[in-house]
Protein backbone atom coordinates (compact mmCIF):
# COMPACT_ATOMS: atom_id res chain seq x y z
CA UNK A 1 13.73 96.03 -158.00
CA UNK A 2 10.39 96.85 -156.33
CA UNK A 3 9.86 96.86 -152.59
CA UNK A 4 7.82 93.68 -152.99
CA UNK A 5 10.67 92.04 -154.89
CA UNK A 6 13.15 93.15 -152.25
CA UNK A 7 10.99 91.67 -149.50
CA UNK A 8 10.69 88.39 -151.45
CA UNK A 9 14.47 88.30 -151.95
CA UNK A 10 15.20 88.89 -148.25
CA UNK A 11 12.65 86.30 -147.19
CA UNK A 12 14.80 83.64 -148.87
CA UNK A 13 17.89 84.73 -146.93
CA UNK A 14 18.22 83.10 -143.52
CA UNK A 15 17.40 84.45 -140.95
CA UNK A 16 15.57 87.44 -142.49
CA UNK A 17 12.37 85.38 -142.86
CA UNK A 18 11.93 85.55 -139.05
CA UNK A 19 11.45 89.34 -139.18
CA UNK A 20 7.97 90.74 -138.67
CA UNK A 21 6.31 92.76 -141.44
CA UNK A 22 7.17 96.06 -139.76
CA UNK A 23 10.77 94.94 -139.15
CA UNK A 24 11.10 93.86 -142.79
CA UNK A 25 9.76 97.27 -143.88
CA UNK A 26 12.32 99.01 -141.67
CA UNK A 27 15.08 96.85 -143.13
CA UNK A 28 14.12 97.65 -146.74
CA UNK A 29 13.73 101.36 -145.99
CA UNK A 30 17.35 101.54 -144.78
CA UNK A 31 18.79 99.28 -147.47
CA UNK A 32 20.51 100.39 -150.70
CA UNK A 33 21.94 98.65 -153.76
CA UNK A 34 25.68 99.11 -154.25
CA UNK A 35 28.27 98.19 -156.89
CA UNK A 36 31.96 97.36 -156.29
CA UNK A 37 34.58 96.47 -158.90
CA UNK A 38 36.93 93.48 -158.63
CA UNK A 39 39.60 93.71 -155.88
CA UNK A 40 37.70 96.32 -153.86
CA UNK A 41 38.39 95.91 -150.13
CA UNK A 42 35.06 96.05 -148.31
CA UNK A 43 36.20 95.25 -144.75
CA UNK A 44 39.60 94.92 -143.10
CA UNK A 45 41.13 95.35 -139.65
CA UNK A 46 41.77 98.97 -140.56
CA UNK A 47 38.46 99.50 -142.36
CA UNK A 48 35.36 98.47 -140.41
CA UNK A 49 32.28 98.86 -142.58
CA UNK A 50 29.06 100.61 -141.58
CA UNK A 51 26.95 98.17 -143.57
CA UNK A 52 25.75 94.57 -143.57
CA UNK A 53 26.21 93.07 -147.05
CA UNK A 54 23.90 90.71 -148.95
CA UNK A 55 25.15 89.57 -152.35
CA UNK A 56 22.85 89.89 -155.36
CA UNK A 57 25.50 89.05 -157.96
CA UNK A 58 29.25 88.40 -157.89
CA UNK A 59 31.50 87.02 -155.16
CA UNK A 60 33.61 88.12 -152.20
CA UNK A 61 36.57 86.29 -150.66
CA UNK A 62 37.50 86.51 -146.99
CA UNK A 63 41.27 86.37 -146.43
CA UNK A 64 43.22 85.73 -143.24
CA UNK A 65 46.09 88.02 -142.28
CA UNK A 66 48.51 85.61 -143.99
CA UNK A 67 46.53 86.00 -147.23
CA UNK A 68 44.83 82.58 -147.21
CA UNK A 69 41.21 82.28 -148.33
CA UNK A 70 39.15 81.20 -145.30
CA UNK A 71 35.67 81.68 -146.77
CA UNK A 72 33.96 82.80 -149.95
CA UNK A 73 30.56 84.40 -150.43
CA UNK A 74 28.29 84.19 -153.44
CA UNK A 75 24.72 84.99 -154.50
CA UNK A 76 22.36 85.26 -151.49
CA UNK A 77 25.25 84.97 -149.02
CA UNK A 78 25.62 87.69 -146.40
CA UNK A 79 28.43 89.16 -144.24
CA UNK A 80 29.83 90.49 -141.84
CA UNK A 81 27.72 90.65 -138.70
CA UNK A 82 30.70 90.25 -136.36
CA UNK A 83 32.42 93.48 -137.45
CA UNK A 84 29.16 95.40 -136.91
CA UNK A 85 28.37 93.82 -133.54
CA UNK A 86 31.88 93.85 -132.08
CA UNK A 87 33.35 96.80 -133.97
CA UNK A 88 36.43 94.90 -135.13
CA UNK A 89 37.52 92.46 -137.81
CA UNK A 90 40.63 90.28 -138.04
CA UNK A 91 40.24 89.33 -141.72
CA UNK A 92 40.00 91.08 -145.08
CA UNK A 93 36.88 90.95 -147.29
CA UNK A 94 37.80 91.59 -150.92
CA UNK A 95 35.63 91.53 -154.07
CA UNK A 96 36.60 88.54 -156.21
CA UNK A 97 34.07 89.07 -159.01
CA UNK A 98 32.28 92.37 -159.74
CA UNK A 99 29.83 92.80 -156.94
CA UNK A 100 26.24 93.99 -156.86
CA UNK A 101 24.82 93.82 -153.34
CA UNK A 102 22.39 95.17 -150.83
CA UNK A 103 23.82 97.23 -147.99
CA UNK A 104 21.84 97.50 -144.75
CA UNK A 105 22.81 100.38 -142.49
CA UNK A 106 24.66 99.38 -139.33
CA UNK A 107 22.23 101.09 -136.94
CA UNK A 108 19.27 99.42 -138.62
CA UNK A 109 20.94 96.01 -138.46
CA UNK A 110 21.77 96.42 -134.76
CA UNK A 111 18.22 97.57 -133.97
CA UNK A 112 16.79 94.48 -135.70
CA UNK A 113 19.05 92.32 -133.57
CA UNK A 114 17.72 93.93 -130.39
CA UNK A 115 14.08 93.76 -131.51
CA UNK A 116 13.98 90.16 -132.76
CA UNK A 117 15.37 87.40 -130.52
CA UNK A 118 15.50 84.73 -133.26
CA UNK A 119 17.34 87.14 -135.53
CA UNK A 120 19.73 87.96 -132.71
CA UNK A 121 20.32 84.34 -131.74
CA UNK A 122 21.42 83.41 -135.24
CA UNK A 123 24.11 86.07 -135.48
CA UNK A 124 25.38 85.66 -131.94
CA UNK A 125 25.54 81.86 -132.00
CA UNK A 126 28.74 79.93 -132.54
CA UNK A 127 29.41 77.87 -135.65
CA UNK A 128 27.93 74.70 -134.16
CA UNK A 129 24.61 76.34 -133.38
CA UNK A 130 24.53 77.99 -136.79
CA UNK A 131 24.98 74.58 -138.38
CA UNK A 132 22.17 73.19 -136.26
CA UNK A 133 19.93 76.12 -137.17
CA UNK A 134 20.63 75.73 -140.87
CA UNK A 135 20.01 71.98 -140.71
CA UNK A 136 16.72 72.56 -138.94
CA UNK A 137 15.67 75.00 -141.65
CA UNK A 138 16.81 72.73 -144.49
CA UNK A 139 15.03 69.66 -143.24
CA UNK A 140 12.01 71.19 -141.49
CA UNK A 141 9.64 69.74 -144.08
CA UNK A 142 11.06 66.30 -143.31
CA UNK A 143 10.97 66.53 -139.51
CA UNK A 144 8.81 63.95 -137.86
CA UNK A 145 8.32 62.26 -134.54
CA UNK A 146 11.23 60.03 -135.50
CA UNK A 147 13.67 62.91 -135.20
CA UNK A 148 12.33 65.18 -132.49
CA UNK A 149 10.28 62.98 -130.15
CA UNK A 150 11.64 62.61 -126.63
CA UNK A 151 10.97 59.77 -124.20
CA UNK A 152 8.74 62.20 -122.32
CA UNK A 153 6.56 62.51 -125.44
CA UNK A 154 5.33 58.93 -125.28
CA UNK A 155 3.53 56.85 -122.64
CA UNK A 156 5.65 56.21 -119.56
CA UNK A 157 4.04 53.66 -117.24
CA UNK A 158 4.07 54.37 -113.53
CA UNK A 159 6.68 52.20 -111.85
CA UNK A 160 5.90 49.79 -109.01
CA UNK A 161 9.08 50.17 -106.96
CA UNK A 162 9.84 48.00 -103.95
CA UNK A 163 12.78 47.63 -101.57
CA UNK A 164 15.17 44.73 -102.25
CA UNK A 165 14.13 42.97 -99.02
CA UNK A 166 10.40 43.14 -99.72
CA UNK A 167 8.75 39.67 -99.61
CA UNK A 168 7.81 38.56 -103.14
CA UNK A 169 4.14 38.06 -102.23
CA UNK A 170 3.90 41.66 -101.01
CA UNK A 171 5.59 42.95 -104.17
CA UNK A 172 3.14 41.02 -106.37
CA UNK A 173 0.20 42.44 -104.40
CA UNK A 174 1.61 45.96 -104.84
CA UNK A 175 2.09 45.46 -108.59
CA UNK A 176 -1.58 44.43 -108.91
CA UNK A 177 -2.59 47.70 -107.27
CA UNK A 178 -0.45 49.54 -109.88
CA UNK A 179 -2.05 47.38 -112.61
CA UNK A 180 1.35 46.43 -113.99
CA UNK A 181 3.13 43.14 -114.64
CA UNK A 182 6.54 44.69 -113.91
CA UNK A 183 8.12 45.08 -110.48
CA UNK A 184 11.11 47.40 -110.04
CA UNK A 185 13.49 46.44 -107.25
CA UNK A 186 15.67 49.10 -105.63
CA UNK A 187 18.82 48.13 -103.75
CA UNK A 188 20.11 50.09 -100.78
CA UNK A 189 22.97 51.42 -102.99
CA UNK A 190 20.45 52.95 -105.40
CA UNK A 191 20.81 50.32 -108.14
CA UNK A 192 17.60 49.18 -109.83
CA UNK A 193 16.58 45.69 -110.95
CA UNK A 194 13.47 44.20 -112.55
CA UNK A 195 11.02 41.31 -112.13
CA UNK A 196 8.66 40.43 -114.99
CA UNK A 197 5.84 37.90 -115.38
CA UNK A 198 8.07 35.61 -117.43
CA UNK A 199 10.73 35.76 -114.70
CA UNK A 200 8.15 34.81 -112.08
CA UNK A 201 7.19 31.75 -114.13
CA UNK A 202 10.78 30.59 -114.58
CA UNK A 203 12.30 31.51 -111.19
CA UNK A 204 9.29 30.86 -108.92
CA UNK A 205 6.66 28.56 -110.45
CA UNK A 206 8.99 26.19 -112.32
CA UNK A 207 11.57 26.13 -109.51
CA UNK A 208 8.91 25.79 -106.82
CA UNK A 209 10.14 28.71 -104.71
CA UNK A 210 8.27 30.12 -101.73
CA UNK A 211 6.49 33.45 -102.26
CA UNK A 212 7.96 34.81 -99.02
CA UNK A 213 11.51 35.08 -100.44
CA UNK A 214 12.90 38.64 -100.77
CA UNK A 215 12.56 40.07 -104.28
CA UNK A 216 16.32 40.54 -104.57
CA UNK A 217 16.69 36.74 -104.82
CA UNK A 218 15.13 36.61 -108.30
CA UNK A 219 15.38 40.16 -109.68
CA UNK A 220 17.65 40.86 -112.65
CA UNK A 221 20.24 43.58 -112.03
CA UNK A 222 20.93 46.11 -113.34
CA UNK A 223 17.81 47.43 -115.04
CA UNK A 224 18.73 49.22 -118.30
CA UNK A 225 17.52 52.82 -118.30
CA UNK A 226 17.14 55.89 -120.50
CA UNK A 227 16.72 59.51 -119.47
CA UNK A 228 13.29 61.07 -119.84
CA UNK A 229 14.85 63.84 -121.99
CA UNK A 230 16.61 61.38 -124.35
CA UNK A 231 15.39 61.05 -127.92
CA UNK A 232 12.83 58.28 -128.20
CA UNK A 233 14.76 56.93 -131.17
CA UNK A 234 17.75 56.31 -128.88
CA UNK A 235 15.50 54.23 -126.62
CA UNK A 236 14.36 52.28 -129.67
CA UNK A 237 18.00 51.51 -130.53
CA UNK A 238 18.68 50.19 -126.99
CA UNK A 239 15.58 47.98 -127.08
CA UNK A 240 16.73 46.47 -130.38
CA UNK A 241 20.37 46.09 -129.35
CA UNK A 242 19.55 44.33 -126.09
CA UNK A 243 16.50 42.42 -127.39
CA UNK A 244 14.36 43.53 -124.46
CA UNK A 245 10.70 44.54 -124.17
CA UNK A 246 10.92 47.30 -121.58
CA UNK A 247 13.35 49.80 -120.17
CA UNK A 248 13.45 52.04 -117.10
CA UNK A 249 13.10 55.83 -117.35
CA UNK A 250 15.01 58.13 -114.98
CA UNK A 251 14.98 61.89 -114.38
CA UNK A 252 17.80 64.42 -113.92
CA UNK A 253 18.38 63.18 -110.38
CA UNK A 254 18.76 59.56 -111.49
CA UNK A 255 15.44 58.65 -109.88
CA UNK A 256 13.25 56.01 -111.48
CA UNK A 257 10.06 57.66 -112.75
CA UNK A 258 8.53 54.90 -114.84
CA UNK A 259 8.79 52.14 -117.43
CA UNK A 260 8.88 52.47 -121.21
CA UNK A 261 7.34 49.49 -122.97
CA UNK A 262 8.43 48.17 -126.36
CA UNK A 263 4.85 48.13 -127.63
CA UNK A 264 4.40 51.85 -126.89
CA UNK A 265 7.57 52.75 -128.77
CA UNK A 266 6.38 50.64 -131.68
CA UNK A 267 3.00 52.35 -131.78
CA UNK A 268 4.71 55.75 -131.74
CA UNK A 269 6.99 55.01 -134.67
CA UNK A 270 4.74 52.56 -136.51
CA UNK A 271 7.63 51.27 -138.64
CA UNK A 272 8.70 47.70 -139.39
CA UNK A 273 12.11 47.78 -137.66
CA UNK A 274 10.94 45.31 -135.04
CA UNK A 275 9.48 43.10 -137.74
CA UNK A 276 12.95 42.80 -139.31
CA UNK A 277 14.53 42.28 -135.89
CA UNK A 278 12.04 39.53 -135.19
CA UNK A 279 12.68 37.91 -138.58
CA UNK A 280 16.41 37.78 -137.83
CA UNK A 281 15.81 36.20 -134.43
CA UNK A 282 13.39 33.61 -135.79
CA UNK A 283 15.43 32.73 -138.90
CA UNK A 284 15.85 28.95 -138.95
CA UNK A 285 17.88 28.77 -142.14
CA UNK A 286 19.98 30.87 -144.54
CA UNK A 287 16.98 31.65 -146.75
CA UNK A 288 15.05 33.16 -143.83
CA UNK A 289 18.06 35.23 -142.78
CA UNK A 290 18.61 36.53 -146.32
CA UNK A 291 14.99 37.68 -146.53
CA UNK A 292 15.37 39.60 -143.25
CA UNK A 293 18.67 41.16 -144.34
CA UNK A 294 17.22 42.38 -147.65
CA UNK A 295 14.62 44.39 -145.73
CA UNK A 296 17.27 46.71 -144.25
CA UNK A 297 17.33 49.01 -147.28
CA UNK A 298 13.62 49.77 -146.89
CA UNK A 299 14.20 50.76 -143.26
CA UNK A 300 17.06 53.07 -144.31
CA UNK A 301 14.92 54.76 -146.97
CA UNK A 302 12.03 55.19 -144.56
CA UNK A 303 14.14 56.71 -141.80
CA UNK A 304 16.04 59.03 -144.16
CA UNK A 305 12.84 60.40 -145.72
CA UNK A 306 11.42 61.06 -142.26
CA UNK A 307 14.41 63.17 -141.26
CA UNK A 308 16.11 60.84 -138.78
CA UNK A 309 19.67 61.95 -138.00
CA UNK A 310 22.22 59.88 -139.87
CA UNK A 311 23.95 58.96 -136.60
CA UNK A 312 20.74 57.33 -135.34
CA UNK A 313 20.20 55.50 -138.64
CA UNK A 314 23.73 54.07 -138.63
CA UNK A 315 23.32 53.05 -134.99
CA UNK A 316 20.10 51.18 -135.68
CA UNK A 317 21.26 49.56 -138.91
CA UNK A 318 24.53 48.63 -137.22
CA UNK A 319 22.64 46.76 -134.50
CA UNK A 320 20.56 44.89 -137.06
CA UNK A 321 23.64 44.04 -139.16
CA UNK A 322 25.33 42.70 -136.03
CA UNK A 323 22.39 40.40 -135.44
CA UNK A 324 22.58 39.18 -139.04
CA UNK A 325 26.26 38.31 -138.54
CA UNK A 326 25.56 36.60 -135.21
CA UNK A 327 22.78 34.46 -136.64
CA UNK A 328 24.81 33.59 -139.75
CA UNK A 329 27.74 32.52 -137.55
CA UNK A 330 25.45 30.22 -135.57
CA UNK A 331 23.78 28.79 -138.67
CA UNK A 332 27.02 28.02 -140.51
CA UNK A 333 29.47 26.89 -137.81
CA UNK A 334 29.08 23.67 -135.83
CA UNK A 335 28.19 24.60 -132.26
CA UNK A 336 31.25 22.84 -130.81
CA UNK A 337 33.72 25.22 -132.52
CA UNK A 338 31.80 28.50 -132.20
CA UNK A 339 33.14 29.33 -128.73
CA UNK A 340 36.81 28.90 -129.70
CA UNK A 341 36.85 31.82 -132.12
CA UNK A 342 35.67 35.41 -132.42
CA UNK A 343 34.09 36.78 -135.60
CA UNK A 344 34.81 40.50 -135.97
CA UNK A 345 33.78 43.29 -138.32
CA UNK A 346 36.20 46.10 -139.09
CA UNK A 347 36.46 49.46 -140.84
CA UNK A 348 33.18 51.35 -141.19
CA UNK A 349 31.23 48.30 -140.03
CA UNK A 350 33.37 48.07 -136.91
CA UNK A 351 32.74 51.78 -136.29
CA UNK A 352 29.00 51.17 -136.74
CA UNK A 353 29.03 53.77 -139.53
CA UNK A 354 28.17 51.78 -142.65
CA UNK A 355 24.53 52.33 -143.56
CA UNK A 356 24.29 51.28 -147.21
CA UNK A 357 25.94 47.93 -147.96
CA UNK A 358 29.00 49.24 -149.84
CA UNK A 359 31.55 46.56 -148.91
CA UNK A 360 32.53 44.23 -146.08
CA UNK A 361 35.57 44.10 -143.81
CA UNK A 362 35.60 41.10 -141.48
CA UNK A 363 37.98 38.63 -139.83
CA UNK A 364 38.19 35.66 -137.48
CA UNK A 365 40.36 35.40 -134.38
CA UNK A 366 40.94 31.78 -133.29
CA UNK A 367 42.02 30.75 -129.79
CA UNK A 368 45.64 29.64 -129.50
CA UNK A 369 46.01 25.87 -129.64
CA UNK A 370 42.96 25.43 -131.87
CA UNK A 371 43.38 24.30 -135.48
CA UNK A 372 42.57 27.28 -137.75
CA UNK A 373 42.18 25.06 -140.83
CA UNK A 374 38.91 23.62 -139.56
CA UNK A 375 37.37 27.10 -139.74
CA UNK A 376 38.37 28.02 -143.30
CA UNK A 377 35.58 26.16 -145.19
CA UNK A 378 32.97 27.72 -142.93
CA UNK A 379 34.47 31.20 -143.38
CA UNK A 380 34.31 30.79 -147.16
CA UNK A 381 30.67 29.80 -146.81
CA UNK A 382 29.92 32.85 -144.64
CA UNK A 383 31.41 35.20 -147.26
CA UNK A 384 29.43 33.55 -150.04
CA UNK A 385 26.23 34.05 -148.06
CA UNK A 386 27.06 37.67 -147.21
CA UNK A 387 27.64 38.45 -150.88
CA UNK A 388 24.31 36.79 -151.66
CA UNK A 389 22.72 38.94 -148.92
CA UNK A 390 23.90 42.07 -150.74
CA UNK A 391 27.15 42.83 -148.88
CA UNK A 392 29.62 43.51 -151.75
CA UNK A 393 32.95 41.74 -151.80
CA UNK A 394 35.78 43.87 -150.39
CA UNK A 395 38.06 45.00 -153.24
CA UNK A 396 41.06 44.82 -150.89
CA UNK A 397 40.12 41.24 -149.91
CA UNK A 398 39.83 42.21 -146.24
CA UNK A 399 37.49 39.32 -145.59
CA UNK A 400 37.49 36.27 -143.40
CA UNK A 401 37.82 34.03 -146.48
CA UNK A 402 41.34 35.46 -146.89
CA UNK A 403 43.78 33.38 -144.73
CA UNK A 404 45.50 36.65 -143.76
CA UNK A 405 42.34 37.61 -141.84
CA UNK A 406 41.67 34.19 -140.33
CA UNK A 407 44.29 33.10 -137.77
CA UNK A 408 45.11 32.59 -134.12
CA UNK A 409 45.56 35.18 -131.39
CA UNK A 410 49.34 34.70 -131.42
CA UNK A 411 49.50 35.05 -135.20
CA UNK A 412 47.59 38.36 -134.98
CA UNK A 413 49.96 39.56 -132.25
CA UNK A 414 52.91 38.84 -134.56
CA UNK A 415 51.10 40.73 -137.30
CA UNK A 416 50.45 43.85 -135.20
CA UNK A 417 54.12 43.85 -134.16
CA UNK A 418 55.14 43.79 -137.82
CA UNK A 419 52.71 46.62 -138.65
CA UNK A 420 54.32 48.79 -136.00
CA UNK A 421 57.98 47.85 -136.43
CA UNK A 422 58.02 47.81 -140.26
CA UNK A 423 55.54 50.56 -141.10
CA UNK A 424 54.46 51.26 -144.66
CA UNK A 425 51.21 52.48 -146.20
CA UNK A 426 49.63 49.00 -146.33
CA UNK A 427 50.58 48.31 -142.70
CA UNK A 428 49.12 51.64 -141.58
CA UNK A 429 45.91 50.78 -143.43
CA UNK A 430 45.70 47.29 -141.95
CA UNK A 431 46.31 48.63 -138.45
CA UNK A 432 43.67 51.34 -138.89
CA UNK A 433 41.10 48.81 -140.10
CA UNK A 434 41.95 46.38 -137.31
CA UNK A 435 41.83 49.06 -134.62
CA UNK A 436 38.20 49.71 -135.59
CA UNK A 437 37.35 46.03 -135.10
CA UNK A 438 34.23 45.07 -133.19
CA UNK A 439 33.35 41.57 -131.95
CA UNK A 440 29.97 40.33 -133.19
CA UNK A 441 30.02 36.59 -132.47
CA UNK A 442 31.98 33.95 -130.58
CA UNK A 443 34.40 34.61 -127.71
CA UNK A 444 34.74 38.40 -127.50
CA UNK A 445 37.55 38.15 -124.93
CA UNK A 446 39.89 37.09 -127.74
CA UNK A 447 39.57 40.52 -129.36
CA UNK A 448 39.92 42.29 -126.00
CA UNK A 449 43.20 40.40 -125.52
CA UNK A 450 44.46 41.60 -128.91
CA UNK A 451 43.50 45.22 -128.25
CA UNK A 452 45.34 45.12 -124.90
CA UNK A 453 48.42 43.77 -126.65
CA UNK A 454 48.22 46.47 -129.33
CA UNK A 455 48.01 49.28 -126.80
CA UNK A 456 51.04 47.92 -124.93
CA UNK A 457 53.09 47.80 -128.13
CA UNK A 458 52.33 51.43 -128.95
CA UNK A 459 53.79 52.77 -125.71
CA UNK A 460 56.31 55.55 -126.49
CA UNK A 461 55.82 55.15 -130.26
CA UNK A 462 55.47 58.87 -131.02
CA UNK A 463 57.12 58.69 -134.43
CA UNK A 464 54.93 55.78 -135.49
CA UNK A 465 51.83 57.67 -134.31
CA UNK A 466 52.91 60.73 -136.33
CA UNK A 467 53.11 58.63 -139.50
CA UNK A 468 49.82 56.92 -138.65
CA UNK A 469 48.08 60.28 -138.14
CA UNK A 470 49.63 61.70 -141.33
CA UNK A 471 47.01 59.83 -143.37
CA UNK A 472 44.51 62.42 -142.08
CA UNK A 473 46.11 64.90 -144.49
CA UNK A 474 46.13 62.58 -147.53
CA UNK A 475 43.20 64.12 -149.38
CA UNK A 476 42.48 67.78 -150.07
CA UNK A 477 39.48 69.42 -148.44
CA UNK A 478 38.08 72.41 -150.38
CA UNK A 479 37.96 75.69 -148.49
CA UNK A 480 35.90 77.70 -150.96
CA UNK A 481 32.79 77.19 -153.04
CA UNK A 482 34.88 77.88 -156.14
CA UNK A 483 36.97 74.83 -155.21
CA UNK A 484 34.14 72.38 -154.84
CA UNK A 485 31.56 73.74 -157.30
CA UNK A 486 33.67 72.25 -160.09
CA UNK A 487 32.91 71.74 -163.76
CA UNK A 488 32.63 68.00 -163.14
CA UNK A 489 29.88 68.73 -160.58
CA UNK A 490 31.02 65.86 -158.35
CA UNK A 491 33.16 65.69 -155.25
CA UNK A 492 34.20 62.60 -153.30
CA UNK A 493 32.78 63.54 -149.90
CA UNK A 494 34.44 60.57 -148.20
CA UNK A 495 37.93 61.70 -149.20
CA UNK A 496 37.25 65.41 -148.68
CA UNK A 497 35.57 65.27 -145.28
CA UNK A 498 34.51 61.88 -143.87
CA UNK A 499 37.94 60.21 -143.95
CA UNK A 500 39.89 63.15 -142.44
CA UNK A 501 37.56 63.22 -139.43
CA UNK A 502 37.55 59.41 -139.06
CA UNK A 503 41.32 59.04 -139.38
CA UNK A 504 42.17 62.05 -137.22
CA UNK A 505 39.86 60.90 -134.43
CA UNK A 506 41.06 57.30 -134.86
CA UNK A 507 44.66 58.48 -134.41
CA UNK A 508 43.80 60.34 -131.21
CA UNK A 509 41.78 57.37 -129.93
CA UNK A 510 44.66 54.96 -130.62
CA UNK A 511 47.12 57.20 -128.80
CA UNK A 512 44.75 57.54 -125.83
CA UNK A 513 44.00 53.78 -125.77
CA UNK A 514 40.27 54.29 -126.27
CA UNK A 515 38.38 51.03 -126.93
CA UNK A 516 35.24 52.66 -128.31
CA UNK A 517 35.07 52.30 -132.11
CA UNK A 518 32.29 54.71 -133.16
CA UNK A 519 33.68 58.07 -134.32
CA UNK A 520 31.10 60.25 -132.57
CA UNK A 521 31.53 58.37 -129.27
CA UNK A 522 35.31 58.59 -129.63
CA UNK A 523 34.97 62.36 -130.03
CA UNK A 524 32.92 62.59 -126.83
CA UNK A 525 35.46 60.49 -124.90
CA UNK A 526 38.31 62.64 -126.22
CA UNK A 527 36.40 65.70 -125.00
CA UNK A 528 36.02 64.11 -121.55
CA UNK A 529 39.75 63.42 -121.51
CA UNK A 530 40.41 67.10 -122.36
CA UNK A 531 42.17 66.06 -125.58
CA UNK A 532 39.56 68.01 -127.56
CA UNK A 533 38.05 71.29 -126.44
CA UNK A 534 34.29 71.20 -126.00
CA UNK A 535 33.72 73.60 -128.90
CA UNK A 536 35.97 71.64 -131.27
CA UNK A 537 34.29 68.36 -130.33
CA UNK A 538 30.85 69.84 -130.96
CA UNK A 539 31.96 71.26 -134.32
CA UNK A 540 33.37 67.92 -135.46
CA UNK A 541 30.19 66.06 -134.52
CA UNK A 542 28.04 68.54 -136.43
CA UNK A 543 30.31 68.52 -139.50
CA UNK A 544 30.45 64.70 -139.44
CA UNK A 545 26.65 64.62 -139.39
CA UNK A 546 26.35 67.06 -142.30
CA UNK A 547 28.76 65.27 -144.65
CA UNK A 548 27.38 61.81 -143.84
CA UNK A 549 23.82 63.05 -144.36
CA UNK A 550 24.73 64.42 -147.79
CA UNK A 551 26.54 61.19 -148.65
CA UNK A 552 23.60 58.99 -147.61
CA UNK A 553 21.19 61.15 -149.58
CA UNK A 554 23.38 60.86 -152.70
CA UNK A 555 23.75 57.09 -152.28
CA UNK A 556 20.00 56.59 -151.98
CA UNK A 557 19.53 58.73 -155.10
CA UNK A 558 22.02 56.48 -156.92
CA UNK A 559 20.06 53.40 -155.85
CA UNK A 560 16.83 55.03 -157.00
CA UNK A 561 18.38 55.84 -160.39
CA UNK A 562 19.89 52.39 -160.78
CA UNK A 563 23.46 53.75 -160.64
CA UNK A 564 26.52 52.24 -159.00
CA UNK A 565 26.85 53.42 -155.40
CA UNK A 566 29.86 55.62 -154.62
CA UNK A 567 30.88 58.44 -152.29
CA UNK A 568 30.37 61.32 -154.71
CA UNK A 569 27.84 64.10 -154.34
CA UNK A 570 26.68 66.33 -157.19
CA UNK A 571 27.54 69.83 -155.96
CA UNK A 572 25.31 71.43 -158.59
CA UNK A 573 22.28 69.66 -157.15
CA UNK A 574 22.78 71.21 -153.71
CA UNK A 575 20.41 73.90 -152.51
CA UNK A 576 21.80 77.08 -150.99
CA UNK A 577 21.42 75.91 -147.39
CA UNK A 578 23.05 72.55 -148.17
CA UNK A 579 25.87 74.45 -149.84
CA UNK A 580 26.28 76.62 -146.76
CA UNK A 581 26.26 73.56 -144.52
CA UNK A 582 28.92 71.90 -146.65
CA UNK A 583 31.04 75.03 -146.79
CA UNK A 584 31.00 75.43 -143.00
CA UNK A 585 31.70 71.72 -142.55
CA UNK A 586 34.73 71.93 -144.84
CA UNK A 587 35.98 74.84 -142.76
CA UNK A 588 35.74 72.68 -139.62
CA UNK A 589 37.54 69.79 -141.33
CA UNK A 590 40.39 72.01 -142.48
CA UNK A 591 40.81 73.42 -138.97
CA UNK A 592 40.83 69.88 -137.59
CA UNK A 593 43.57 68.90 -140.03
CA UNK A 594 45.70 71.75 -138.70
CA UNK A 595 45.03 70.51 -135.16
CA UNK A 596 46.11 66.95 -136.05
CA UNK A 597 49.21 68.26 -137.83
CA UNK A 598 50.20 70.24 -134.73
CA UNK A 599 49.24 67.56 -132.17
CA UNK A 600 51.27 64.78 -133.79
CA UNK A 601 54.06 67.09 -135.07
CA UNK A 602 53.52 65.70 -138.54
CA UNK A 603 55.54 68.51 -140.12
CA UNK A 604 58.60 67.17 -138.26
CA UNK A 605 58.60 63.85 -140.14
CA UNK A 606 59.49 63.23 -143.77
């Protein structure tokens, strides 16, 4: 292989493409091609190599001290920087298939690390940062303002801030000097409120109030805020969720620095998310609502192509789906019975993690003393409409049209008691689905009541929790490329990676009585509670993002090809970086399974 070919080969290996021309020349000058037969031990605790390896052909397995495969390396993979940097190695690297590789001298490798900061950062970063680096490289061509723009990157209007006791007439005069229609009111305790033109019309003009009243008498508290270093897309999600036109912007000190207007966010993103949101709000009949709901897929495709993180997409789509449910509830049910029940979504919808419409899990909680039978015809109608909107029927019949999922508060309390006291696989599943429930319409206090009751029942139920958490281990997660690059090409990414993270985190959240339903937010709360170490929490969030991104990409490809949507990804269609991301994510999932097994003492139960 010529020097030019060697340079071209290395340029495709991350992070060698960050080397300068002279650094690349130095690397090639001190690099040789080597051959090793099967079963050759390259590195071990007793044998620290003097070379950095890059595979041209063949494979190498990395074994733990108890002879378990923890990682495998194939064409264009490299190893082992740690043994060169730290001078020690806890594992064994053995040739699995006849190996042809490049060997870079240790001194040369270490010099490159000292000379090139990007090169150094990659090898000295932890697994989370490596994942983030690889993702950035993989999707660089797709990055857009959607993914990387911060609130600071758009127009922040200077805030007109007045004290809570300021006379309204003086505040209006001050706002005119700022050339703004928004007045920010600051209380003595540091809390902020807001006065808008529309509020002035309603609270002052129509009510005939005197302009000398203090601004605190009409201001709305608290003012919702975002941080100036937050992603702009997160601000967009808040604006949609709360149906508001402006939001406050604070700095690191919690000080108000300005106002972010809906129209400025719209101009930055120039997408039709707000058009859909507006269609849902204005829908006067089922036909209008269906038309708005059918537009969601176009939003998903647009955001995915532009490189938006899957967590942000699911957040946004979740908010829009919630509004569809809310409007449908109001359109179908007579107004006099709406307040005596609570319509809930469960499972992935309850966790705000369903992006593509793959199924529906929903239920109705009816206030005690109210006749449930009067709701059943309306619930059947709601399900018929949802199916027509493109939400597939749940194969397990976990839908509000099923009498099992449409009953009173007391009936649900009896049900949760049965799930706990007479546990079996179906009861565990029902409890898991119900625990992820999220109220979307009606009286939300009814669901809060049920969650309180559930938490009380689980006090000192360690054995039950062990069986509940055991489901985390139900499906195998590959730990080597050889295991998931199968002849069938396909792997069910939900079973292999998504479900273990969801169920493991759900088990911890249930034990800790955490009300939050979203997996990523549950992870962050568990970190705050010291249940998860910071590094483990960060790893899980990154791995969860990787596997869900690959799943969404595969599902959109299926839709494009007119195929039935499922949770399988074609492993042979993955590029090298995607393969590396998946491999590292599987490693994180397997480590998490061990953590769950230990935490709940699952090996102690039958």
